[in-house]
Structures are given as C-alpha cells and as structure tokens.
Amino acid sequence: MAYLETQDGLTEDDKELLINLSEIVEQRQQNIRLEEQRGFVENLLRLRFGNIDESLSLVIEPLLKLTPEESSRLIWQSYRETLLMKLSY
C-alpha cells in the first residue's frame, strides 16, 4: 500500500488493479509455501515409514497445521501407530 501512496497520476482503477494484483501475488506465495511444506512433510513420512498409505495420508493435513519444527519432531519421535492415534480425528 505504501507504494500506491507514492504514485501520483494513477487512476482509482489503476490503484484497484494494483491492489487486486498484490492480493493475487500474496495468495500465490502462500500457496507455494503450503505446497513446499506439504512436500517436506510427505518426504519426512516416506523417510520414516516407507510409503504413504491411506492411513498416513490422513495425518498430513493435521501435520501441516503444526509448525515445521513440531511436525518434524512428531514424525521422527513417534511410532506409526502413535502418530496415527494422535493426529487422526
């Protein structure tokens, strides 16, 4: 927004377009971070337990709600059954 305040000569339509584009870029960046975090969690699960079967796939979303440190620690320190029990609602 500070950028827009310094831009003389922009029409209201221009400003609205820039705001909308900024929101789109921010949303895309959030999606990219979430995809990267999902890939990280999936890789840890594969390293720890082999393949990701249907049961393990159910704990991915709950793990994504944790910080990367918490999810990593939980994956590495838990047995498969314990992880499933803690995170399968």
Protein backbone atom coordinates (compact mmCIF):
# COMPACT_ATOMS: atom_id res chain seq x y z
CA MET A 1 0.00 0.00 0.00
CA ALA A 2 2.85 2.44 0.73
CA TYR A 3 3.89 2.07 -2.90
CA LEU A 4 0.48 3.21 -4.07
CA GLU A 5 0.58 6.28 -1.87
CA THR A 6 3.75 7.49 -3.60
CA GLN A 7 2.44 7.01 -7.13
CA ASP A 8 0.99 10.25 -8.48
CA GLY A 9 -1.02 10.05 -11.64
CA LEU A 10 -2.56 6.64 -11.01
CA THR A 11 -6.27 6.47 -11.54
CA GLU A 12 -8.54 4.82 -9.00
CA ASP A 13 -8.89 1.92 -11.45
CA ASP A 14 -5.09 1.60 -11.62
CA LYS A 15 -4.86 1.58 -7.84
CA GLU A 16 -7.62 -1.00 -7.55
CA LEU A 17 -5.91 -3.18 -10.15
CA LEU A 18 -2.60 -2.96 -8.29
CA ILE A 19 -4.29 -3.86 -5.01
CA ASN A 20 -6.00 -6.85 -6.64
CA LEU A 21 -2.75 -7.99 -8.24
CA SER A 22 -0.94 -7.64 -4.91
CA GLU A 23 -3.55 -9.82 -3.25
CA ILE A 24 -3.25 -12.43 -6.00
CA VAL A 25 0.55 -12.49 -5.67
CA GLU A 26 0.32 -12.79 -1.88
CA GLN A 27 -2.18 -15.67 -2.15
CA ARG A 28 0.03 -17.44 -4.70
CA GLN A 29 3.05 -17.08 -2.41
CA GLN A 30 1.05 -18.57 0.47
CA ASN A 31 0.00 -21.48 -1.77
CA ILE A 32 3.61 -22.08 -2.79
CA ARG A 33 4.72 -22.12 0.88
CA LEU A 34 1.95 -24.58 1.72
CA GLU A 35 2.92 -26.82 -1.21
CA GLU A 36 6.56 -26.74 -0.09
CA GLN A 37 5.57 -27.57 3.47
CA ARG A 38 3.35 -30.42 2.24
CA GLY A 39 6.25 -31.81 0.21
CA PHE A 40 8.52 -31.57 3.24
CA VAL A 41 6.03 -33.41 5.48
CA GLU A 42 5.41 -36.09 2.84
CA ASN A 43 9.16 -36.63 2.41
CA LEU A 44 9.66 -36.99 6.16
CA LEU A 45 6.82 -39.50 6.35
CA ARG A 46 8.35 -41.51 3.48
CA LEU A 47 11.79 -41.46 5.07
CA ARG A 48 10.44 -42.54 8.43
CA PHE A 49 7.76 -45.06 7.42
CA GLY A 50 8.42 -46.00 3.80
CA ASN A 51 5.44 -45.32 1.58
CA ILE A 52 2.47 -43.12 2.42
CA ASP A 53 -0.58 -45.32 2.54
CA GLU A 54 -4.17 -44.25 3.08
CA SER A 55 -3.80 -44.14 6.87
CA LEU A 56 -0.68 -41.96 6.79
CA SER A 57 -2.21 -39.66 4.18
CA LEU A 58 -4.87 -38.76 6.76
CA VAL A 59 -2.29 -37.21 9.10
CA ILE A 60 -0.76 -34.89 6.50
CA GLU A 61 -3.31 -32.09 6.96
CA PRO A 62 -3.06 -32.11 10.77
CA LEU A 63 0.75 -32.06 10.47
CA LEU A 64 0.55 -29.02 8.19
CA LYS A 65 -1.28 -27.13 10.92
CA LEU A 66 1.76 -27.53 13.19
CA THR A 67 4.99 -25.59 12.87
CA PRO A 68 7.65 -27.33 10.77
CA GLU A 69 9.64 -27.98 13.95
CA GLU A 70 6.67 -29.57 15.72
CA SER A 71 5.68 -31.72 12.77
CA SER A 72 9.27 -32.88 12.18
CA ARG A 73 9.75 -33.77 15.82
CA LEU A 74 6.44 -35.62 15.97
CA ILE A 75 7.23 -37.63 12.83
CA TRP A 76 10.75 -38.59 13.93
CA GLN A 77 9.90 -39.35 17.55
CA SER A 78 6.63 -41.24 17.07
CA TYR A 79 5.88 -44.77 16.10
CA ARG A 80 3.47 -45.08 13.19
CA GLU A 81 0.56 -46.17 15.39
CA THR A 82 1.21 -43.36 17.89
CA LEU A 83 1.31 -40.78 15.10
CA LEU A 84 -1.94 -42.09 13.65
CA MET A 85 -3.60 -42.13 17.05
CA LYS A 86 -2.51 -38.57 17.88
CA LEU A 87 -3.46 -36.99 14.56
CA SER A 88 -6.36 -38.97 13.13
CA TYR A 89 -9.56 -37.31 14.23
